[in-house]
Amino acid sequence: NSLSNKSELSITDFTKQNLIFVDNDLTGIEMIN
């Protein structure tokens, strides 16, 4: 993944990416946010 070359990611770096999240019913509020 092209983002793997970065030393740090910002919240806006994920455009056009495939993301895998844990379902909102199964994770904490901080992760949901």
Full PDB file with SEQRES, HELIX, SHEET, SSBOND, CRYST1, ORIGX, SCALE, CONECT and MASTER records, all heavy atoms in Angstrom:
SEQRES   1 A   33  ASN SER LEU SER ASN LYS SER GLU LEU SER ILE THR ASP          
SEQRES   2 A   33  PHE THR LYS GLN ASN LEU ILE PHE VAL ASP ASN ASP LEU          
SEQRES   3 A   33  THR GLY ILE GLU MET ILE ASN                                  
HELIX    1 AA1 SER A    2  ASN A    5  5                                   4    
HELIX    2 AA2 ASN A   24  LEU A   26  5                                   3    
HELIX    3 AA3 ILE A   29  ILE A   32  1                                   4    
CRYST1    1.000    1.000    1.000  90.00  90.00  90.00 P 1           1          
ORIGX1      1.000000  0.000000  0.000000        0.00000                         
ORIGX2      0.000000  1.000000  0.000000        0.00000                         
ORIGX3      0.000000  0.000000  1.000000        0.00000                         
SCALE1      1.000000  0.000000  0.000000        0.00000                         
SCALE2      0.000000  1.000000  0.000000        0.00000                         
SCALE3      0.000000  0.000000  1.000000        0.00000                         
ATOM      1  N   ASN A   1       0.844  -1.194   0.000  1.00  0.00           N  
ATOM      2  CA  ASN A   1       0.000   0.000   0.000  1.00  0.00           C  
ATOM      3  C   ASN A   1       0.879   1.243   0.000  1.00  0.00           C  
ATOM      4  O   ASN A   1       1.844   1.333   0.747  1.00  0.00           O  
ATOM      5  CB  ASN A   1      -0.918  -0.007   1.228  1.00  0.00           C  
ATOM      6  CG  ASN A   1      -1.945   1.092   1.166  1.00  0.00           C  
ATOM      7  OD1 ASN A   1      -1.618   2.262   1.182  1.00  0.00           O  
ATOM      8  ND2 ASN A   1      -3.208   0.703   1.110  1.00  0.00           N  
ATOM      9  N   SER A   2       0.528   2.209  -0.823  1.00  0.00           N  
ATOM     10  CA  SER A   2       1.336   3.432  -0.937  1.00  0.00           C  
ATOM     11  C   SER A   2       1.442   4.189   0.385  1.00  0.00           C  
ATOM     12  O   SER A   2       2.432   4.887   0.626  1.00  0.00           O  
ATOM     13  CB  SER A   2       0.771   4.351  -2.013  1.00  0.00           C  
ATOM     14  OG  SER A   2      -0.551   4.723  -1.689  1.00  0.00           O  
ATOM     15  N   LEU A   3       0.473   4.071   1.258  1.00  0.00           N  
ATOM     16  CA  LEU A   3       0.515   4.757   2.551  1.00  0.00           C  
ATOM     17  C   LEU A   3       1.541   4.144   3.506  1.00  0.00           C  
ATOM     18  O   LEU A   3       1.922   4.775   4.486  1.00  0.00           O  
ATOM     19  CB  LEU A   3      -0.861   4.750   3.211  1.00  0.00           C  
ATOM     20  CG  LEU A   3      -1.968   5.515   2.492  1.00  0.00           C  
ATOM     21  CD1 LEU A   3      -3.282   5.385   3.255  1.00  0.00           C  
ATOM     22  CD2 LEU A   3      -1.591   6.976   2.308  1.00  0.00           C  
ATOM     23  N   SER A   4       1.994   2.938   3.231  1.00  0.00           N  
ATOM     24  CA  SER A   4       2.949   2.277   4.138  1.00  0.00           C  
ATOM     25  C   SER A   4       4.306   2.979   4.154  1.00  0.00           C  
ATOM     26  O   SER A   4       5.095   2.769   5.071  1.00  0.00           O  
ATOM     27  CB  SER A   4       3.122   0.801   3.771  1.00  0.00           C  
ATOM     28  OG  SER A   4       3.857   0.666   2.577  1.00  0.00           O  
ATOM     29  N   ASN A   5       4.572   3.812   3.162  1.00  0.00           N  
ATOM     30  CA  ASN A   5       5.852   4.539   3.111  1.00  0.00           C  
ATOM     31  C   ASN A   5       5.867   5.771   4.015  1.00  0.00           C  
ATOM     32  O   ASN A   5       6.916   6.357   4.235  1.00  0.00           O  
ATOM     33  CB  ASN A   5       6.156   4.981   1.674  1.00  0.00           C  
ATOM     34  CG  ASN A   5       6.348   3.794   0.765  1.00  0.00           C  
ATOM     35  OD1 ASN A   5       6.906   2.790   1.157  1.00  0.00           O  
ATOM     36  ND2 ASN A   5       5.860   3.909  -0.460  1.00  0.00           N  
ATOM     37  N   LYS A   6       4.721   6.168   4.520  1.00  0.00           N  
ATOM     38  CA  LYS A   6       4.643   7.360   5.363  1.00  0.00           C  
ATOM     39  C   LYS A   6       5.077   7.028   6.788  1.00  0.00           C  
ATOM     40  O   LYS A   6       4.881   5.910   7.265  1.00  0.00           O  
ATOM     41  CB  LYS A   6       3.225   7.913   5.369  1.00  0.00           C  
ATOM     42  CG  LYS A   6       2.778   8.435   4.028  1.00  0.00           C  
ATOM     43  CD  LYS A   6       1.416   9.069   4.142  1.00  0.00           C  
ATOM     44  CE  LYS A   6       1.438  10.349   3.360  1.00  0.00           C  
ATOM     45  NZ  LYS A   6       0.555  11.352   3.821  1.00  0.00           N  
ATOM     46  N   SER A   7       5.637   8.014   7.465  1.00  0.00           N  
ATOM     47  CA  SER A   7       6.031   7.811   8.861  1.00  0.00           C  
ATOM     48  C   SER A   7       4.857   8.035   9.806  1.00  0.00           C  
ATOM     49  O   SER A   7       4.851   7.563  10.941  1.00  0.00           O  
ATOM     50  CB  SER A   7       7.185   8.731   9.234  1.00  0.00           C  
ATOM     51  OG  SER A   7       6.797  10.082   9.059  1.00  0.00           O  
ATOM     52  N   GLU A   8       3.832   8.743   9.322  1.00  0.00           N  
ATOM     53  CA  GLU A   8       2.646   9.036  10.118  1.00  0.00           C  
ATOM     54  C   GLU A   8       1.501   9.361   9.166  1.00  0.00           C  
ATOM     55  O   GLU A   8       1.717   9.916   8.099  1.00  0.00           O  
ATOM     56  CB  GLU A   8       2.946  10.232  11.028  1.00  0.00           C  
ATOM     57  CG  GLU A   8       1.918  10.517  12.071  1.00  0.00           C  
ATOM     58  CD  GLU A   8       2.371  11.622  13.008  1.00  0.00           C  
ATOM     59  OE1 GLU A   8       2.398  12.791  12.573  1.00  0.00           O  
ATOM     60  OE2 GLU A   8       2.690  11.317  14.160  1.00  0.00           O  
ATOM     61  N   LEU A   9       0.290   8.993   9.561  1.00  0.00           N  
ATOM     62  CA  LEU A   9      -0.879   9.250   8.726  1.00  0.00           C  
ATOM     63  C   LEU A   9      -1.804  10.255   9.390  1.00  0.00           C  
ATOM     64  O   LEU A   9      -1.980  10.234  10.606  1.00  0.00           O  
ATOM     65  CB  LEU A   9      -1.666   7.960   8.500  1.00  0.00           C  
ATOM     66  CG  LEU A   9      -0.943   6.858   7.731  1.00  0.00           C  
ATOM     67  CD1 LEU A   9      -1.754   5.576   7.768  1.00  0.00           C  
ATOM     68  CD2 LEU A   9      -0.668   7.285   6.305  1.00  0.00           C  
ATOM     69  N   SER A  10      -2.401  11.101   8.567  1.00  0.00           N  
ATOM     70  CA  SER A  10      -3.422  12.002   9.097  1.00  0.00           C  
ATOM     71  C   SER A  10      -4.784  11.391   8.804  1.00  0.00           C  
ATOM     72  O   SER A  10      -4.910  10.449   8.025  1.00  0.00           O  
ATOM     73  CB  SER A  10      -3.305  13.393   8.458  1.00  0.00           C  
ATOM     74  OG  SER A  10      -3.818  13.357   7.149  1.00  0.00           O  
ATOM     75  N   ILE A  11      -5.791  11.949   9.397  1.00  0.00           N  
ATOM     76  CA  ILE A  11      -7.154  11.435   9.226  1.00  0.00           C  
ATOM     77  C   ILE A  11      -7.632  11.569   7.792  1.00  0.00           C  
ATOM     78  O   ILE A  11      -8.502  10.842   7.364  1.00  0.00           O  
ATOM     79  CB  ILE A  11      -8.055  12.172  10.240  1.00  0.00           C  
ATOM     80  CG1 ILE A  11      -8.322  11.215  11.291  1.00  0.00           C  
ATOM     81  CG2 ILE A  11      -9.260  12.795   9.659  1.00  0.00           C  
ATOM     82  CD1 ILE A  11      -9.129  11.121  12.295  1.00  0.00           C  
ATOM     83  N   THR A  12      -7.032  12.464   7.019  1.00  0.00           N  
ATOM     84  CA  THR A  12      -7.459  12.700   5.637  1.00  0.00           C  
ATOM     85  C   THR A  12      -6.638  11.927   4.600  1.00  0.00           C  
ATOM     86  O   THR A  12      -6.808  12.137   3.406  1.00  0.00           O  
ATOM     87  CB  THR A  12      -7.389  14.204   5.314  1.00  0.00           C  
ATOM     88  OG1 THR A  12      -6.052  14.662   5.530  1.00  0.00           O  
ATOM     89  CG2 THR A  12      -8.353  14.999   6.174  1.00  0.00           C  
ATOM     90  N   ASP A  13      -5.783  11.039   5.021  1.00  0.00           N  
ATOM     91  CA  ASP A  13      -4.918  10.292   4.094  1.00  0.00           C  
ATOM     92  C   ASP A  13      -5.563   9.057   3.471  1.00  0.00           C  
ATOM     93  O   ASP A  13      -4.930   8.377   2.683  1.00  0.00           O  
ATOM     94  CB  ASP A  13      -3.641   9.832   4.808  1.00  0.00           C  
ATOM     95  CG  ASP A  13      -2.638  10.938   5.005  1.00  0.00           C  
ATOM     96  OD1 ASP A  13      -2.665  11.912   4.230  1.00  0.00           O  
ATOM     97  OD2 ASP A  13      -1.824  10.841   5.943  1.00  0.00           O  
ATOM     98  N   PHE A  14      -6.809   8.755   3.798  1.00  0.00           N  
ATOM     99  CA  PHE A  14      -7.391   7.470   3.416  1.00  0.00           C  
ATOM    100  C   PHE A  14      -8.289   7.509   2.184  1.00  0.00           C  
ATOM    101  O   PHE A  14      -8.977   6.534   1.894  1.00  0.00           O  
ATOM    102  CB  PHE A  14      -8.157   6.888   4.606  1.00  0.00           C  
ATOM    103  CG  PHE A  14      -7.263   6.606   5.779  1.00  0.00           C  
ATOM    104  CD1 PHE A  14      -7.164   7.501   6.821  1.00  0.00           C  
ATOM    105  CD2 PHE A  14      -6.501   5.458   5.822  1.00  0.00           C  
ATOM    106  CE1 PHE A  14      -6.337   7.258   7.902  1.00  0.00           C  
ATOM    107  CE2 PHE A  14      -5.666   5.197   6.887  1.00  0.00           C  
ATOM    108  CZ  PHE A  14      -5.582   6.097   7.932  1.00  0.00           C  
ATOM    109  N   THR A  15      -8.282   8.616   1.430  1.00  0.00           N  
ATOM    110  CA  THR A  15      -9.103   8.714   0.220  1.00  0.00           C  
ATOM    111  C   THR A  15      -8.770   7.569  -0.735  1.00  0.00           C  
ATOM    112  O   THR A  15      -7.612   7.236  -0.943  1.00  0.00           O  
ATOM    113  CB  THR A  15      -8.869  10.078  -0.462  1.00  0.00           C  
ATOM    114  OG1 THR A  15      -9.328  11.100   0.423  1.00  0.00           O  
ATOM    115  CG2 THR A  15      -9.614  10.184  -1.772  1.00  0.00           C  
ATOM    116  N   LYS A  16      -9.817   6.971  -1.278  1.00  0.00           N  
ATOM    117  CA  LYS A  16      -9.723   5.867  -2.243  1.00  0.00           C  
ATOM    118  C   LYS A  16      -9.079   4.612  -1.673  1.00  0.00           C  
ATOM    119  O   LYS A  16      -8.543   3.786  -2.419  1.00  0.00           O  
ATOM    120  CB  LYS A  16      -8.992   6.309  -3.512  1.00  0.00           C  
ATOM    121  CG  LYS A  16      -9.708   7.403  -4.267  1.00  0.00           C  
ATOM    122  CD  LYS A  16      -8.983   7.765  -5.534  1.00  0.00           C  
ATOM    123  CE  LYS A  16      -9.708   8.892  -6.256  1.00  0.00           C  
ATOM    124  NZ  LYS A  16      -9.033   9.304  -7.463  1.00  0.00           N  
ATOM    125  N   GLN A  17      -9.116   4.433  -0.358  1.00  0.00           N  
ATOM    126  CA  GLN A  17      -8.555   3.243   0.274  1.00  0.00           C  
ATOM    127  C   GLN A  17      -9.660   2.252   0.630  1.00  0.00           C  
ATOM    128  O   GLN A  17     -10.818   2.618   0.776  1.00  0.00           O  
ATOM    129  CB  GLN A  17      -7.791   3.619   1.547  1.00  0.00           C  
ATOM    130  CG  GLN A  17      -6.549   4.427   1.318  1.00  0.00           C  
ATOM    131  CD  GLN A  17      -5.452   3.625   0.630  1.00  0.00           C  
ATOM    132  OE1 GLN A  17      -5.282   2.438   0.864  1.00  0.00           O  
ATOM    133  NE2 GLN A  17      -4.701   4.294  -0.229  1.00  0.00           N  
ATOM    134  N   ASN A  18      -9.274   0.994   0.761  1.00  0.00           N  
ATOM    135  CA  ASN A  18     -10.158  -0.039   1.298  1.00  0.00           C  
ATOM    136  C   ASN A  18      -9.871  -0.133   2.789  1.00  0.00           C  
ATOM    137  O   ASN A  18      -8.753  -0.461   3.188  1.00  0.00           O  
ATOM    138  CB  ASN A  18      -9.884  -1.384   0.634  1.00  0.00           C  
ATOM    139  CG  ASN A  18     -10.205  -1.379  -0.832  1.00  0.00           C  
ATOM    140  OD1 ASN A  18     -11.151  -0.728  -1.262  1.00  0.00           O  
ATOM    141  ND2 ASN A  18      -9.427  -2.077  -1.611  1.00  0.00           N  
ATOM    142  N   LEU A  19     -10.872   0.175   3.603  1.00  0.00           N  
ATOM    143  CA  LEU A  19     -10.702   0.160   5.048  1.00  0.00           C  
ATOM    144  C   LEU A  19     -11.488  -0.984   5.662  1.00  0.00           C  
ATOM    145  O   LEU A  19     -12.585  -1.317   5.196  1.00  0.00           O  
ATOM    146  CB  LEU A  19     -11.147   1.484   5.657  1.00  0.00           C  
ATOM    147  CG  LEU A  19     -10.322   2.692   5.220  1.00  0.00           C  
ATOM    148  CD1 LEU A  19     -10.900   3.973   5.802  1.00  0.00           C  
ATOM    149  CD2 LEU A  19      -8.879   2.541   5.641  1.00  0.00           C  
ATOM    150  N   ILE A  20     -10.927  -1.549   6.702  1.00  0.00           N  
ATOM    151  CA  ILE A  20     -11.553  -2.656   7.413  1.00  0.00           C  
ATOM    152  C   ILE A  20     -11.727  -2.220   8.860  1.00  0.00           C  
ATOM    153  O   ILE A  20     -10.741  -2.014   9.569  1.00  0.00           O  
ATOM    154  CB  ILE A  20     -10.693  -3.925   7.309  1.00  0.00           C  
ATOM    155  CG1 ILE A  20     -10.494  -4.292   5.836  1.00  0.00           C  
ATOM    156  CG2 ILE A  20     -11.332  -5.066   8.082  1.00  0.00           C  
ATOM    157  CD1 ILE A  20      -9.319  -5.180   5.566  1.00  0.00           C  
ATOM    158  N   PHE A  21     -12.966  -2.053   9.271  1.00  0.00           N  
ATOM    159  CA  PHE A  21     -13.289  -1.592  10.618  1.00  0.00           C  
ATOM    160  C   PHE A  21     -14.033  -2.676  11.377  1.00  0.00           C  
ATOM    161  O   PHE A  21     -14.744  -3.488  10.792  1.00  0.00           O  
ATOM    162  CB  PHE A  21     -14.189  -0.348  10.572  1.00  0.00           C  
ATOM    163  CG  PHE A  21     -13.515   0.899  10.073  1.00  0.00           C  
ATOM    164  CD1 PHE A  21     -14.271   1.898   9.480  1.00  0.00           C  
ATOM    165  CD2 PHE A  21     -12.157   1.110  10.195  1.00  0.00           C  
ATOM    166  CE1 PHE A  21     -13.689   3.078   9.038  1.00  0.00           C  
ATOM    167  CE2 PHE A  21     -11.560   2.283   9.748  1.00  0.00           C  
ATOM    168  CZ  PHE A  21     -12.322   3.266   9.177  1.00  0.00           C  
ATOM    169  N   VAL A  22     -13.899  -2.646  12.698  1.00  0.00           N  
ATOM    170  CA  VAL A  22     -14.705  -3.515  13.551  1.00  0.00           C  
ATOM    171  C   VAL A  22     -16.087  -2.882  13.681  1.00  0.00           C  
ATOM    172  O   VAL A  22     -16.221  -1.668  13.829  1.00  0.00           O  
ATOM    173  CB  VAL A  22     -14.035  -3.700  14.927  1.00  0.00           C  
ATOM    174  CG1 VAL A  22     -14.915  -4.513  15.855  1.00  0.00           C  
ATOM    175  CG2 VAL A  22     -12.668  -4.376  14.772  1.00  0.00           C  
ATOM    176  N   ASP A  23     -17.123  -3.713  13.608  1.00  0.00           N  
ATOM    177  CA  ASP A  23     -18.506  -3.252  13.670  1.00  0.00           C  
ATOM    178  C   ASP A  23     -18.740  -2.370  14.893  1.00  0.00           C  
ATOM    179  O   ASP A  23     -18.238  -2.638  15.975  1.00  0.00           O  
ATOM    180  CB  ASP A  23     -19.430  -4.477  13.724  1.00  0.00           C  
ATOM    181  CG  ASP A  23     -20.876  -4.097  13.558  1.00  0.00           C  
ATOM    182  OD1 ASP A  23     -21.475  -3.657  14.560  1.00  0.00           O  
ATOM    183  OD2 ASP A  23     -21.404  -4.224  12.449  1.00  0.00           O  
ATOM    184  N   ASN A  24     -19.522  -1.315  14.714  1.00  0.00           N  
ATOM    185  CA  ASN A  24     -19.793  -0.357  15.788  1.00  0.00           C  
ATOM    186  C   ASN A  24     -20.421  -0.991  17.023  1.00  0.00           C  
ATOM    187  O   ASN A  24     -20.259  -0.488  18.126  1.00  0.00           O  
ATOM    188  CB  ASN A  24     -20.688   0.772  15.285  1.00  0.00           C  
ATOM    189  CG  ASN A  24     -19.950   1.719  14.371  1.00  0.00           C  
ATOM    190  OD1 ASN A  24     -18.744   1.653  14.206  1.00  0.00           O  
ATOM    191  ND2 ASN A  24     -20.687   2.609  13.754  1.00  0.00           N  
ATOM    192  N   ASP A  25     -21.150  -2.084  16.860  1.00  0.00           N  
ATOM    193  CA  ASP A  25     -21.761  -2.751  18.010  1.00  0.00           C  
ATOM    194  C   ASP A  25     -20.742  -3.545  18.823  1.00  0.00           C  
ATOM    195  O   ASP A  25     -21.055  -4.020  19.914  1.00  0.00           O  
ATOM    196  CB  ASP A  25     -22.874  -3.706  17.553  1.00  0.00           C  
ATOM    197  CG  ASP A  25     -24.069  -2.958  16.988  1.00  0.00           C  
ATOM    198  OD1 ASP A  25     -24.275  -1.786  17.362  1.00  0.00           O  
ATOM    199  OD2 ASP A  25     -24.789  -3.547  16.175  1.00  0.00           O  
ATOM    200  N   LEU A  26     -19.536  -3.700  18.285  1.00  0.00           N  
ATOM    201  CA  LEU A  26     -18.554  -4.571  18.923  1.00  0.00           C  
ATOM    202  C   LEU A  26     -17.261  -3.861  19.312  1.00  0.00           C  
ATOM    203  O   LEU A  26     -16.258  -4.512  19.606  1.00  0.00           O  
ATOM    204  CB  LEU A  26     -18.229  -5.742  17.980  1.00  0.00           C  
ATOM    205  CG  LEU A  26     -19.455  -6.558  17.552  1.00  0.00           C  
ATOM    206  CD1 LEU A  26     -19.115  -7.474  16.406  1.00  0.00           C  
ATOM    207  CD2 LEU A  26     -20.009  -7.336  18.734  1.00  0.00           C  
ATOM    208  N   THR A  27     -17.272  -2.538  19.306  1.00  0.00           N  
ATOM    209  CA  THR A  27     -16.069  -1.789  19.653  1.00  0.00           C  
ATOM    210  C   THR A  27     -16.431  -0.618  20.566  1.00  0.00           C  
ATOM    211  O   THR A  27     -17.603  -0.314  20.757  1.00  0.00           O  
ATOM    212  CB  THR A  27     -15.319  -1.319  18.385  1.00  0.00           C  
ATOM    213  OG1 THR A  27     -14.028  -0.859  18.747  1.00  0.00           O  
ATOM    214  CG2 THR A  27     -16.074  -0.242  17.644  1.00  0.00           C  
ATOM    215  N   GLY A  28     -15.425   0.024  21.114  1.00  0.00           N  
ATOM    216  CA  GLY A  28     -15.645   1.128  22.041  1.00  0.00           C  
ATOM    217  C   GLY A  28     -15.998   2.436  21.347  1.00  0.00           C  
ATOM    218  O   GLY A  28     -15.773   2.612  20.148  1.00  0.00           O  
ATOM    219  N   ILE A  29     -16.518   3.365  22.128  1.00  0.00           N  
ATOM    220  CA  ILE A  29     -16.974   4.657  21.592  1.00  0.00           C  
ATOM    221  C   ILE A  29     -15.832   5.449  20.964  1.00  0.00           C  
ATOM    222  O   ILE A  29     -16.023   6.132  19.959  1.00  0.00           O  
ATOM    223  CB  ILE A  29     -17.722   5.483  22.678  1.00  0.00           C  
ATOM    224  CG1 ILE A  29     -18.393   6.704  22.042  1.00  0.00           C  
ATOM    225  CG2 ILE A  29     -16.798   5.898  23.808  1.00  0.00           C  
ATOM    226  CD1 ILE A  29     -19.514   6.391  21.118  1.00  0.00           C  
ATOM    227  N   GLU A  30     -14.620   5.353  21.534  1.00  0.00           N  
ATOM    228  CA  GLU A  30     -13.488   6.086  20.957  1.00  0.00           C  
ATOM    229  C   GLU A  30     -13.185   5.596  19.542  1.00  0.00           C  
ATOM    230  O   GLU A  30     -12.933   6.389  18.640  1.00  0.00           O  
ATOM    231  CB  GLU A  30     -12.227   5.947  21.830  1.00  0.00           C  
ATOM    232  CG  GLU A  30     -12.346   6.543  23.195  1.00  0.00           C  
ATOM    233  CD  GLU A  30     -12.792   5.527  24.241  1.00  0.00           C  
ATOM    234  OE1 GLU A  30     -13.235   4.411  23.864  1.00  0.00           O  
ATOM    235  OE2 GLU A  30     -12.712   5.843  25.429  1.00  0.00           O  
ATOM    236  N   MET A  31     -13.233   4.273  19.359  1.00  0.00           N  
ATOM    237  CA  MET A  31     -12.964   3.719  18.031  1.00  0.00           C  
ATOM    238  C   MET A  31     -14.089   4.048  17.068  1.00  0.00           C  
ATOM    239  O   MET A  31     -13.846   4.357  15.902  1.00  0.00           O  
ATOM    240  CB  MET A  31     -12.744   2.211  18.113  1.00  0.00           C  
ATOM    241  CG  MET A  31     -12.276   1.611  16.804  1.00  0.00           C  
ATOM    242  SD  MET A  31     -10.725   2.310  16.172  1.00  0.00           S  
ATOM    243  CE  MET A  31      -9.555   1.677  17.349  1.00  0.00           C  
ATOM    244  N   ILE A  32     -15.316   4.015  17.540  1.00  0.00           N  
ATOM    245  CA  ILE A  32     -16.457   4.394  16.692  1.00  0.00           C  
ATOM    246  C   ILE A  32     -16.282   5.835  16.221  1.00  0.00           C  
ATOM    247  O   ILE A  32     -16.462   6.139  15.031  1.00  0.00           O  
ATOM    248  CB  ILE A  32     -17.792   4.223  17.448  1.00  0.00           C  
ATOM    249  CG1 ILE A  32     -18.057   2.757  17.713  1.00  0.00           C  
ATOM    250  CG2 ILE A  32     -18.943   4.855  16.667  1.00  0.00           C  
ATOM    251  CD1 ILE A  32     -19.198   2.495  18.683  1.00  0.00           C  
ATOM    252  N   ASN A  33     -15.936   6.736  17.128  1.00  0.00           N  
ATOM    253  CA  ASN A  33     -15.727   8.141  16.763  1.00  0.00           C  
ATOM    254  C   ASN A  33     -14.595   8.294  15.755  1.00  0.00           C  
ATOM    255  O   ASN A  33     -14.707   9.072  14.799  1.00  0.00           O  
ATOM    256  CB  ASN A  33     -15.448   8.986  18.004  1.00  0.00           C  
ATOM    257  CG  ASN A  33     -16.673   9.143  18.875  1.00  0.00           C  
ATOM    258  OD1 ASN A  33     -17.802   8.990  18.423  1.00  0.00           O  
ATOM    259  ND2 ASN A  33     -16.459   9.426  20.151  1.00  0.00           N  
TER     260      ASN A  33                                                      
MASTER        0    0    0    3    0    0    0    6  259    1    0    3          
END                                                                             
